[in-house]
Amino acid sequence: IVPVFNTEDYLKDCIDSLLKQDTKYSYKIVFVDDGSTDHSNIILDDYIENEKVEIIHKQNSGIAGARNTALKNICGRYIMFVDSDDLLAADAVELLMSVALSKKADIVEGAYIEFTGTQPIDYEKKNEQASGYPWGKVIRSDKMINLCFPEGYQYEDTIISTLLMPGCNTVCSIPYTMIKVLLKC
């Protein structure tokens, strides 16, 4: 699930990182254009014929609303959130799903690297415990059925650590970098 709002400068790289996954697992990417006013919607529509891609255009309601729109039609055993200005490692789906299935995990999360522009910050975030961010992890989809992100609030993703994780039996962290996270500072 990829919420998109005015990220035309990063979106194509994000999409390409998602489409070029080296994995035996099948997956679908749901992009929710949350009323972008730049060219993000045009970039997304260039991928409309790709069988791995579903694009939803909607009026702006914020990142929580975009995620909730995609959650209404969950079709896989696991879901993953990726922000539209982030890059997914080429083997992220393979590594996360292999651990999820072998350990029957509810959540599996990898490490991440933060970067500004094209410059990585020279450290990796390796978590002993899974973070409260929705991105960078696979989540068993049935765990999200009765959850939604609160709309109109900052830190809407706190539901991951406060509501989702306490209801999970098996949460795993693996030490491989799954995602590059853009810092906009």
N, C-alpha and C. Protein backbone atom coordinates (compact mmCIF):
# COMPACT_ATOMS: atom_id res chain seq x y z
N ILE A 1 0.86 -1.17 0.00
CA ILE A 1 0.00 0.00 0.00
C ILE A 1 0.90 1.23 0.00
N VAL A 2 0.71 2.09 -1.02
CA VAL A 2 1.54 3.28 -1.16
C VAL A 2 0.66 4.52 -1.26
N PRO A 3 0.55 5.30 -0.17
CA PRO A 3 -0.17 6.57 -0.27
C PRO A 3 0.72 7.57 -1.02
N VAL A 4 0.11 8.33 -1.93
CA VAL A 4 0.88 9.26 -2.76
C VAL A 4 0.27 10.65 -2.65
N PHE A 5 1.11 11.61 -2.30
CA PHE A 5 0.68 13.01 -2.33
C PHE A 5 1.88 13.89 -2.67
N ASN A 6 1.87 14.46 -3.87
CA ASN A 6 2.87 15.43 -4.31
C ASN A 6 4.31 14.96 -4.11
N THR A 7 4.62 13.79 -4.63
CA THR A 7 5.99 13.27 -4.53
C THR A 7 6.57 12.98 -5.91
N GLU A 8 6.23 13.82 -6.88
CA GLU A 8 6.66 13.57 -8.25
C GLU A 8 8.18 13.42 -8.39
N ASP A 9 8.96 14.08 -7.55
CA ASP A 9 10.42 14.01 -7.66
C ASP A 9 10.98 12.64 -7.26
N TYR A 10 10.23 11.87 -6.50
CA TYR A 10 10.73 10.59 -5.97
C TYR A 10 9.90 9.40 -6.43
N LEU A 11 8.72 9.65 -6.95
CA LEU A 11 7.74 8.60 -7.18
C LEU A 11 8.19 7.54 -8.16
N LYS A 12 8.78 7.91 -9.27
CA LYS A 12 9.19 6.92 -10.26
C LYS A 12 10.23 5.96 -9.66
N ASP A 13 11.19 6.49 -8.92
CA ASP A 13 12.18 5.62 -8.27
C ASP A 13 11.53 4.68 -7.27
N CYS A 14 10.56 5.18 -6.52
CA CYS A 14 9.83 4.34 -5.57
C CYS A 14 9.11 3.22 -6.31
N ILE A 15 8.36 3.58 -7.36
CA ILE A 15 7.62 2.58 -8.13
C ILE A 15 8.56 1.53 -8.70
N ASP A 16 9.66 1.97 -9.29
CA ASP A 16 10.61 1.02 -9.87
C ASP A 16 11.18 0.07 -8.82
N SER A 17 11.44 0.59 -7.61
CA SER A 17 11.96 -0.28 -6.55
C SER A 17 10.93 -1.33 -6.14
N LEU A 18 9.66 -1.00 -6.26
CA LEU A 18 8.60 -1.95 -5.92
C LEU A 18 8.37 -2.97 -7.03
N LEU A 19 8.46 -2.54 -8.25
CA LEU A 19 8.21 -3.44 -9.38
C LEU A 19 9.37 -4.40 -9.64
N LYS A 20 10.58 -4.02 -9.22
CA LYS A 20 11.77 -4.83 -9.51
C LYS A 20 12.14 -5.75 -8.35
N GLN A 21 11.17 -6.18 -7.59
CA GLN A 21 11.44 -7.09 -6.48
C GLN A 21 11.90 -8.45 -6.98
N ASP A 22 12.99 -8.94 -6.42
CA ASP A 22 13.53 -10.25 -6.75
C ASP A 22 12.91 -11.25 -5.77
N THR A 23 11.78 -11.82 -6.14
CA THR A 23 11.04 -12.68 -5.21
C THR A 23 10.24 -13.74 -5.94
N LYS A 24 10.01 -14.83 -5.25
CA LYS A 24 9.13 -15.88 -5.78
C LYS A 24 7.68 -15.65 -5.37
N TYR A 25 7.45 -14.70 -4.49
CA TYR A 25 6.10 -14.41 -3.99
C TYR A 25 5.37 -13.46 -4.93
N SER A 26 4.09 -13.70 -5.11
CA SER A 26 3.29 -12.78 -5.92
C SER A 26 2.86 -11.62 -5.02
N TYR A 27 2.71 -10.46 -5.62
CA TYR A 27 2.31 -9.29 -4.86
C TYR A 27 1.62 -8.29 -5.77
N LYS A 28 0.82 -7.44 -5.17
CA LYS A 28 0.13 -6.36 -5.87
C LYS A 28 0.46 -5.07 -5.15
N ILE A 29 0.64 -4.00 -5.91
CA ILE A 29 0.95 -2.70 -5.34
C ILE A 29 -0.26 -1.80 -5.54
N VAL A 30 -0.80 -1.30 -4.44
CA VAL A 30 -1.95 -0.39 -4.49
C VAL A 30 -1.45 1.02 -4.19
N PHE A 31 -1.51 1.86 -5.21
CA PHE A 31 -1.15 3.27 -5.05
C PHE A 31 -2.43 4.06 -4.84
N VAL A 32 -2.46 4.87 -3.79
CA VAL A 32 -3.61 5.72 -3.55
C VAL A 32 -3.15 7.17 -3.72
N ASP A 33 -3.52 7.76 -4.88
CA ASP A 33 -3.21 9.16 -5.13
C ASP A 33 -4.19 9.99 -4.33
N ASP A 34 -3.67 10.65 -3.32
CA ASP A 34 -4.50 11.39 -2.37
C ASP A 34 -4.68 12.84 -2.81
N GLY A 35 -5.15 13.02 -4.05
CA GLY A 35 -5.44 14.36 -4.55
C GLY A 35 -4.20 15.19 -4.84
N SER A 36 -3.16 14.55 -5.36
CA SER A 36 -1.92 15.27 -5.67
C SER A 36 -2.19 16.43 -6.61
N THR A 37 -1.47 17.54 -6.39
CA THR A 37 -1.60 18.72 -7.25
C THR A 37 -0.37 18.90 -8.13
N ASP A 38 0.63 18.04 -7.99
CA ASP A 38 1.78 18.07 -8.89
C ASP A 38 1.53 17.04 -10.00
N HIS A 39 2.56 16.44 -10.55
CA HIS A 39 2.40 15.47 -11.63
C HIS A 39 2.40 14.01 -11.15
N SER A 40 2.24 13.80 -9.85
CA SER A 40 2.23 12.43 -9.32
C SER A 40 1.15 11.58 -9.98
N ASN A 41 -0.03 12.14 -10.18
CA ASN A 41 -1.11 11.36 -10.79
C ASN A 41 -0.78 10.95 -12.21
N ILE A 42 -0.09 11.79 -12.95
CA ILE A 42 0.32 11.46 -14.33
C ILE A 42 1.37 10.35 -14.31
N ILE A 43 2.31 10.44 -13.39
CA ILE A 43 3.34 9.40 -13.26
C ILE A 43 2.68 8.06 -12.93
N LEU A 44 1.75 8.06 -11.99
CA LEU A 44 1.05 6.83 -11.64
C LEU A 44 0.31 6.24 -12.83
N ASP A 45 -0.36 7.07 -13.58
CA ASP A 45 -1.15 6.58 -14.72
C ASP A 45 -0.28 5.95 -15.80
N ASP A 46 1.02 6.26 -15.83
CA ASP A 46 1.93 5.58 -16.76
C ASP A 46 2.06 4.09 -16.46
N TYR A 47 1.69 3.68 -15.26
CA TYR A 47 1.82 2.28 -14.82
C TYR A 47 0.47 1.55 -14.78
N ILE A 48 -0.57 2.18 -15.27
CA ILE A 48 -1.92 1.64 -15.13
C ILE A 48 -2.09 0.28 -15.82
N GLU A 49 -1.31 0.00 -16.84
CA GLU A 49 -1.42 -1.27 -17.57
C GLU A 49 -0.63 -2.39 -16.89
N ASN A 50 0.18 -2.07 -15.92
CA ASN A 50 0.99 -3.10 -15.25
C ASN A 50 0.09 -3.96 -14.37
N GLU A 51 0.14 -5.27 -14.55
CA GLU A 51 -0.75 -6.18 -13.81
C GLU A 51 -0.48 -6.22 -12.31
N LYS A 52 0.70 -5.77 -11.89
CA LYS A 52 1.00 -5.74 -10.46
C LYS A 52 0.51 -4.47 -9.78
N VAL A 53 -0.01 -3.53 -10.56
CA VAL A 53 -0.33 -2.20 -10.06
C VAL A 53 -1.84 -1.96 -10.07
N GLU A 54 -2.32 -1.39 -8.97
CA GLU A 54 -3.68 -0.85 -8.90
C GLU A 54 -3.54 0.60 -8.46
N ILE A 55 -4.24 1.48 -9.15
CA ILE A 55 -4.17 2.90 -8.84
C ILE A 55 -5.55 3.40 -8.46
N ILE A 56 -5.60 4.08 -7.33
CA ILE A 56 -6.84 4.69 -6.86
C ILE A 56 -6.59 6.19 -6.76
N HIS A 57 -7.41 6.98 -7.45
CA HIS A 57 -7.35 8.44 -7.34
C HIS A 57 -8.50 8.88 -6.44
N LYS A 58 -8.20 9.75 -5.49
CA LYS A 58 -9.24 10.23 -4.58
C LYS A 58 -8.95 11.66 -4.17
N GLN A 59 -9.96 12.30 -3.58
CA GLN A 59 -9.75 13.65 -3.05
C GLN A 59 -8.83 13.56 -1.83
N ASN A 60 -8.11 14.63 -1.60
CA ASN A 60 -7.15 14.66 -0.50
C ASN A 60 -7.84 14.51 0.85
N SER A 61 -7.35 13.56 1.65
CA SER A 61 -7.83 13.40 3.02
C SER A 61 -6.67 13.10 3.97
N GLY A 62 -5.45 13.17 3.46
CA GLY A 62 -4.28 12.91 4.29
C GLY A 62 -3.81 11.47 4.17
N ILE A 63 -2.63 11.23 4.71
CA ILE A 63 -2.01 9.91 4.59
C ILE A 63 -2.85 8.81 5.26
N ALA A 64 -3.47 9.14 6.37
CA ALA A 64 -4.32 8.14 7.05
C ALA A 64 -5.49 7.75 6.16
N GLY A 65 -6.14 8.74 5.55
CA GLY A 65 -7.27 8.46 4.67
C GLY A 65 -6.86 7.64 3.46
N ALA A 66 -5.67 7.93 2.91
CA ALA A 66 -5.18 7.17 1.76
C ALA A 66 -4.92 5.71 2.16
N ARG A 67 -4.28 5.51 3.30
CA ARG A 67 -4.04 4.13 3.75
C ARG A 67 -5.36 3.40 4.01
N ASN A 68 -6.30 4.08 4.64
CA ASN A 68 -7.60 3.46 4.93
C ASN A 68 -8.34 3.07 3.66
N THR A 69 -8.24 3.90 2.62
CA THR A 69 -8.87 3.57 1.34
C THR A 69 -8.34 2.25 0.81
N ALA A 70 -7.03 2.07 0.85
CA ALA A 70 -6.44 0.82 0.36
C ALA A 70 -6.80 -0.36 1.25
N LEU A 71 -6.88 -0.14 2.55
CA LEU A 71 -7.19 -1.23 3.48
C LEU A 71 -8.60 -1.80 3.28
N LYS A 72 -9.48 -1.04 2.65
CA LYS A 72 -10.85 -1.51 2.44
C LYS A 72 -10.92 -2.72 1.50
N ASN A 73 -9.88 -2.94 0.72
CA ASN A 73 -9.88 -4.02 -0.27
C ASN A 73 -8.65 -4.90 -0.15
N ILE A 74 -8.32 -5.32 1.04
CA ILE A 74 -7.15 -6.18 1.24
C ILE A 74 -7.39 -7.50 0.50
N CYS A 75 -6.39 -7.92 -0.28
CA CYS A 75 -6.56 -9.16 -1.04
C CYS A 75 -5.42 -10.17 -0.82
N GLY A 76 -4.46 -9.86 0.02
CA GLY A 76 -3.34 -10.76 0.24
C GLY A 76 -3.27 -11.24 1.67
N ARG A 77 -2.40 -12.22 1.90
CA ARG A 77 -2.20 -12.73 3.26
C ARG A 77 -1.43 -11.76 4.13
N TYR A 78 -0.55 -11.00 3.50
CA TYR A 78 0.25 -9.99 4.20
C TYR A 78 0.15 -8.68 3.44
N ILE A 79 0.32 -7.59 4.17
CA ILE A 79 0.38 -6.28 3.54
C ILE A 79 1.65 -5.58 3.97
N MET A 80 2.03 -4.60 3.18
CA MET A 80 3.21 -3.80 3.47
C MET A 80 2.88 -2.36 3.09
N PHE A 81 3.27 -1.43 3.93
CA PHE A 81 3.12 -0.02 3.61
C PHE A 81 4.48 0.52 3.18
N VAL A 82 4.48 1.31 2.12
CA VAL A 82 5.68 1.99 1.65
C VAL A 82 5.26 3.43 1.38
N ASP A 83 6.04 4.39 1.85
CA ASP A 83 5.77 5.78 1.53
C ASP A 83 6.27 6.06 0.11
N SER A 84 5.63 6.98 -0.59
CA SER A 84 5.91 7.19 -2.01
C SER A 84 7.23 7.89 -2.30
N ASP A 85 7.95 8.29 -1.28
CA ASP A 85 9.27 8.87 -1.47
C ASP A 85 10.37 7.97 -0.92
N ASP A 86 10.04 6.71 -0.66
CA ASP A 86 11.00 5.75 -0.14
C ASP A 86 11.38 4.73 -1.21
N LEU A 87 12.47 4.02 -0.96
CA LEU A 87 12.95 3.00 -1.88
C LEU A 87 13.02 1.67 -1.16
N LEU A 88 12.49 0.64 -1.78
CA LEU A 88 12.49 -0.69 -1.19
C LEU A 88 13.68 -1.47 -1.74
N ALA A 89 14.42 -2.15 -0.88
CA ALA A 89 15.54 -2.99 -1.31
C ALA A 89 15.03 -4.06 -2.28
N ALA A 90 15.86 -4.46 -3.21
CA ALA A 90 15.45 -5.38 -4.28
C ALA A 90 14.96 -6.73 -3.79
N ASP A 91 15.41 -7.15 -2.62
CA ASP A 91 15.01 -8.46 -2.08
C ASP A 91 14.13 -8.34 -0.84
N ALA A 92 13.57 -7.18 -0.61
CA ALA A 92 12.78 -6.93 0.60
C ALA A 92 11.59 -7.86 0.72
N VAL A 93 10.79 -7.99 -0.32
CA VAL A 93 9.61 -8.84 -0.27
C VAL A 93 10.02 -10.29 0.00
N GLU A 94 11.04 -10.76 -0.68
CA GLU A 94 11.52 -12.14 -0.51
C GLU A 94 11.95 -12.40 0.93
N LEU A 95 12.79 -11.53 1.48
CA LEU A 95 13.30 -11.74 2.84
C LEU A 95 12.20 -11.64 3.89
N LEU A 96 11.38 -10.61 3.80
CA LEU A 96 10.33 -10.42 4.80
C LEU A 96 9.31 -11.55 4.76
N MET A 97 8.89 -11.93 3.55
CA MET A 97 7.88 -12.99 3.43
C MET A 97 8.43 -14.35 3.82
N SER A 98 9.68 -14.63 3.51
CA SER A 98 10.28 -15.92 3.89
C SER A 98 10.28 -16.08 5.40
N VAL A 99 10.65 -15.02 6.12
CA VAL A 99 10.65 -15.07 7.58
C VAL A 99 9.21 -15.15 8.10
N ALA A 100 8.33 -14.36 7.52
CA ALA A 100 6.92 -14.35 7.97
C ALA A 100 6.31 -15.74 7.86
N LEU A 101 6.52 -16.40 6.75
CA LEU A 101 5.92 -17.72 6.55
C LEU A 101 6.61 -18.81 7.37
N SER A 102 7.94 -18.76 7.45
CA SER A 102 8.66 -19.81 8.19
C SER A 102 8.39 -19.71 9.70
N LYS A 103 8.19 -18.51 10.21
CA LYS A 103 7.95 -18.33 11.65
C LYS A 103 6.48 -18.13 11.99
N LYS A 104 5.63 -18.16 10.95
CA LYS A 104 4.19 -17.90 11.14
C LYS A 104 4.00 -16.59 11.91
N ALA A 105 4.76 -15.58 11.48
CA ALA A 105 4.78 -14.30 12.17
C ALA A 105 3.61 -13.41 11.76
N ASP A 106 3.16 -12.61 12.70
CA ASP A 106 2.14 -11.60 12.42
C ASP A 106 2.77 -10.37 11.78
N ILE A 107 3.99 -10.03 12.22
CA ILE A 107 4.72 -8.88 11.68
C ILE A 107 6.19 -9.26 11.55
N VAL A 108 6.79 -8.88 10.43
CA VAL A 108 8.24 -9.00 10.26
C VAL A 108 8.74 -7.66 9.73
N GLU A 109 9.75 -7.13 10.41
CA GLU A 109 10.30 -5.82 10.06
C GLU A 109 11.78 -5.92 9.81
N GLY A 110 12.27 -5.14 8.84
CA GLY A 110 13.69 -5.07 8.57
C GLY A 110 14.26 -3.75 9.03
N ALA A 111 15.57 -3.61 8.86
CA ALA A 111 16.26 -2.36 9.19
C ALA A 111 15.98 -1.34 8.09
N TYR A 112 16.33 -0.08 8.36
CA TYR A 112 16.16 0.95 7.34
C TYR A 112 17.31 1.95 7.42
N ILE A 113 17.50 2.66 6.32
CA ILE A 113 18.50 3.72 6.23
C ILE A 113 17.77 5.01 5.91
N GLU A 114 18.13 6.07 6.59
CA GLU A 114 17.56 7.38 6.29
C GLU A 114 18.50 8.11 5.34
N PHE A 115 17.92 8.87 4.42
CA PHE A 115 18.75 9.65 3.51
C PHE A 115 18.11 11.00 3.23
N THR A 116 18.96 11.95 2.79
CA THR A 116 18.48 13.26 2.38
C THR A 116 18.92 13.45 0.94
N GLY A 117 17.98 13.77 0.06
CA GLY A 117 18.33 13.87 -1.36
C GLY A 117 18.87 12.53 -1.83
N THR A 118 20.11 12.51 -2.29
CA THR A 118 20.74 11.26 -2.70
C THR A 118 21.78 10.81 -1.69
N GLN A 119 21.95 11.55 -0.60
CA GLN A 119 23.00 11.25 0.37
C GLN A 119 22.47 10.42 1.54
N PRO A 120 22.95 9.18 1.67
CA PRO A 120 22.52 8.41 2.85
C PRO A 120 23.18 8.94 4.11
N ILE A 121 22.46 8.85 5.19
CA ILE A 121 23.02 9.14 6.50
C ILE A 121 23.73 7.86 6.89
N ASP A 122 24.96 7.95 7.38
CA ASP A 122 25.82 6.76 7.47
C ASP A 122 25.57 5.89 8.70
N TYR A 123 24.35 5.49 8.89
CA TYR A 123 24.02 4.50 9.90
C TYR A 123 22.73 3.81 9.50
N GLU A 124 22.57 2.61 10.01
CA GLU A 124 21.34 1.86 9.78
C GLU A 124 20.55 1.81 11.07
N LYS A 125 19.25 1.86 10.96
CA LYS A 125 18.38 1.69 12.12
C LYS A 125 18.08 0.20 12.22
N LYS A 126 18.63 -0.44 13.21
CA LYS A 126 18.34 -1.85 13.46
C LYS A 126 17.60 -1.90 14.78
N ASN A 127 16.41 -2.39 14.72
CA ASN A 127 15.57 -2.38 15.91
C ASN A 127 15.58 -3.73 16.60
N GLU A 128 15.79 -3.72 17.90
CA GLU A 128 15.64 -4.94 18.69
C GLU A 128 14.16 -5.32 18.75
N GLN A 129 13.32 -4.30 18.85
CA GLN A 129 11.88 -4.50 18.84
C GLN A 129 11.34 -3.77 17.62
N ALA A 130 10.25 -4.23 17.09
CA ALA A 130 9.67 -3.60 15.90
C ALA A 130 9.25 -2.17 16.23
N SER A 131 9.41 -1.30 15.25
CA SER A 131 9.06 0.11 15.42
C SER A 131 7.56 0.32 15.24
N GLY A 132 7.11 1.49 15.58
CA GLY A 132 5.70 1.83 15.41
C GLY A 132 5.37 2.38 14.04
N TYR A 133 6.37 2.47 13.16
CA TYR A 133 6.10 2.93 11.80
C TYR A 133 5.35 1.85 11.03
N PRO A 134 4.44 2.25 10.14
CA PRO A 134 3.76 1.22 9.34
C PRO A 134 4.64 0.68 8.22
N TRP A 135 5.60 1.47 7.72
CA TRP A 135 6.42 1.04 6.60
C TRP A 135 7.59 0.16 7.04
N GLY A 136 8.18 -0.56 6.08
CA GLY A 136 9.37 -1.36 6.35
C GLY A 136 9.10 -2.71 6.98
N LYS A 137 7.85 -3.16 6.90
CA LYS A 137 7.50 -4.43 7.51
C LYS A 137 6.36 -5.06 6.73
N VAL A 138 6.22 -6.36 6.88
CA VAL A 138 5.01 -7.03 6.40
C VAL A 138 4.15 -7.33 7.61
N ILE A 139 2.85 -7.19 7.41
CA ILE A 139 1.86 -7.37 8.48
C ILE A 139 0.82 -8.36 7.99
N ARG A 140 0.56 -9.38 8.79
CA ARG A 140 -0.50 -10.32 8.41
C ARG A 140 -1.79 -9.54 8.24
N SER A 141 -2.40 -9.65 7.08
CA SER A 141 -3.52 -8.78 6.72
C SER A 141 -4.73 -8.92 7.63
N ASP A 142 -4.97 -10.11 8.16
CA ASP A 142 -6.14 -10.24 9.03
C ASP A 142 -5.99 -9.44 10.33
N LYS A 143 -4.78 -9.05 10.66
CA LYS A 143 -4.54 -8.20 11.84
C LYS A 143 -4.99 -6.76 11.60
N MET A 144 -5.14 -6.37 10.32
CA MET A 144 -5.51 -4.99 9.99
C MET A 144 -7.00 -4.85 9.68
N ILE A 145 -7.74 -5.93 9.64
CA ILE A 145 -9.14 -5.87 9.21
C ILE A 145 -9.98 -4.91 10.05
N ASN A 146 -9.83 -4.90 11.33
CA ASN A 146 -10.66 -4.03 12.17
C ASN A 146 -9.92 -2.77 12.64
N LEU A 147 -8.79 -2.47 12.01
CA LEU A 147 -8.04 -1.27 12.36
C LEU A 147 -8.12 -0.26 11.22
N CYS A 148 -8.08 1.00 11.59
CA CYS A 148 -7.93 2.04 10.58
C CYS A 148 -7.07 3.14 11.20
N PHE A 149 -6.44 3.89 10.33
CA PHE A 149 -5.60 5.00 10.78
C PHE A 149 -6.51 6.20 11.09
N PRO A 150 -6.35 6.84 12.25
CA PRO A 150 -7.21 7.99 12.58
C PRO A 150 -6.89 9.17 11.66
N GLU A 151 -7.90 9.69 11.01
CA GLU A 151 -7.71 10.77 10.05
C GLU A 151 -7.72 12.13 10.73
N GLY A 152 -6.88 13.03 10.21
CA GLY A 152 -6.85 14.39 10.72
C GLY A 152 -5.93 14.59 11.91
N TYR A 153 -5.11 13.60 12.22
CA TYR A 153 -4.22 13.70 13.39
C TYR A 153 -2.77 13.54 12.96
N GLN A 154 -1.86 14.21 13.64
CA GLN A 154 -0.45 13.93 13.48
C GLN A 154 -0.17 12.62 14.19
N TYR A 155 0.87 11.94 13.77
CA TYR A 155 1.27 10.66 14.37
C TYR A 155 0.14 9.63 14.28
N GLU A 156 -0.53 9.65 13.14
CA GLU A 156 -1.64 8.72 12.93
C GLU A 156 -1.16 7.27 12.93
N ASP A 157 0.13 7.07 12.75
CA ASP A 157 0.64 5.70 12.68
C ASP A 157 0.92 5.08 14.05
N THR A 158 0.61 5.79 15.13
CA THR A 158 0.82 5.21 16.46
C THR A 158 -0.07 3.98 16.70
N ILE A 159 -1.09 3.78 15.85
CA ILE A 159 -1.91 2.57 16.01
C ILE A 159 -1.08 1.30 15.84
N ILE A 160 0.03 1.40 15.12
CA ILE A 160 0.88 0.22 14.91
C ILE A 160 1.41 -0.28 16.25
N SER A 161 1.97 0.64 17.06
CA SER A 161 2.55 0.21 18.34
C SER A 161 1.51 0.11 19.46
N THR A 162 0.44 0.88 19.38
CA THR A 162 -0.53 0.88 20.49
C THR A 162 -1.68 -0.10 20.32
N LEU A 163 -2.10 -0.36 19.09
CA LEU A 163 -3.24 -1.25 18.87
C LEU A 163 -2.87 -2.54 18.14
N LEU A 164 -2.03 -2.44 17.12
CA LEU A 164 -1.71 -3.62 16.31
C LEU A 164 -0.76 -4.58 17.03
N MET A 165 0.40 -4.09 17.43
CA MET A 165 1.42 -4.98 18.00
C MET A 165 0.96 -5.71 19.26
N PRO A 166 0.25 -5.07 20.18
CA PRO A 166 -0.20 -5.81 21.37
C PRO A 166 -1.11 -7.01 21.04
N GLY A 167 -1.75 -6.98 19.90
CA GLY A 167 -2.63 -8.08 19.50
C GLY A 167 -1.94 -9.14 18.65
N CYS A 168 -0.64 -9.03 18.50
CA CYS A 168 0.12 -9.98 17.68
C CYS A 168 0.85 -10.99 18.54
N ASN A 169 0.89 -12.22 18.07
CA ASN A 169 1.60 -13.28 18.79
C ASN A 169 3.08 -13.30 18.47
N THR A 170 3.43 -13.15 17.18
CA THR A 170 4.82 -13.26 16.78
C THR A 170 5.22 -12.04 15.96
N VAL A 171 6.15 -11.25 16.50
CA VAL A 171 6.68 -10.08 15.82
C VAL A 171 8.19 -10.28 15.73
N CYS A 172 8.71 -10.23 14.50
CA CYS A 172 10.14 -10.48 14.27
C CYS A 172 10.80 -9.25 13.66
N SER A 173 12.04 -9.02 14.05
CA SER A 173 12.89 -8.01 13.40
C SER A 173 14.07 -8.73 12.80
N ILE A 174 14.39 -8.39 11.56
CA ILE A 174 15.56 -8.99 10.91
C ILE A 174 16.55 -7.88 10.59
N PRO A 175 17.86 -8.19 10.57
CA PRO A 175 18.88 -7.16 10.49
C PRO A 175 19.21 -6.67 9.07
N TYR A 176 18.38 -6.94 8.09
CA TYR A 176 18.67 -6.54 6.72
C TYR A 176 17.96 -5.23 6.38
N THR A 177 18.63 -4.36 5.65
CA THR A 177 18.03 -3.10 5.26
C THR A 177 16.97 -3.35 4.21
N MET A 178 15.74 -3.01 4.53
CA MET A 178 14.60 -3.21 3.64
C MET A 178 14.22 -1.96 2.90
N ILE A 179 14.46 -0.80 3.51
CA ILE A 179 13.90 0.42 2.95
C ILE A 179 14.82 1.59 3.21
N LYS A 180 14.88 2.50 2.24
CA LYS A 180 15.58 3.77 2.41
C LYS A 180 14.51 4.83 2.60
N VAL A 181 14.59 5.52 3.71
CA VAL A 181 13.57 6.49 4.11
C VAL A 181 14.09 7.90 3.89
N LEU A 182 13.38 8.69 3.10
CA LEU A 182 13.78 10.06 2.83
C LEU A 182 13.46 10.96 4.01
N LEU A 183 14.47 11.69 4.44
CA LEU A 183 14.26 12.72 5.48
C LEU A 183 14.10 14.06 4.77
N LYS A 184 13.01 14.71 5.02
CA LYS A 184 12.76 16.01 4.36
C LYS A 184 13.08 17.13 5.33
N CYS A 185 14.38 17.39 5.49
CA CYS A 185 14.75 18.46 6.40
C CYS A 185 15.76 19.39 5.77
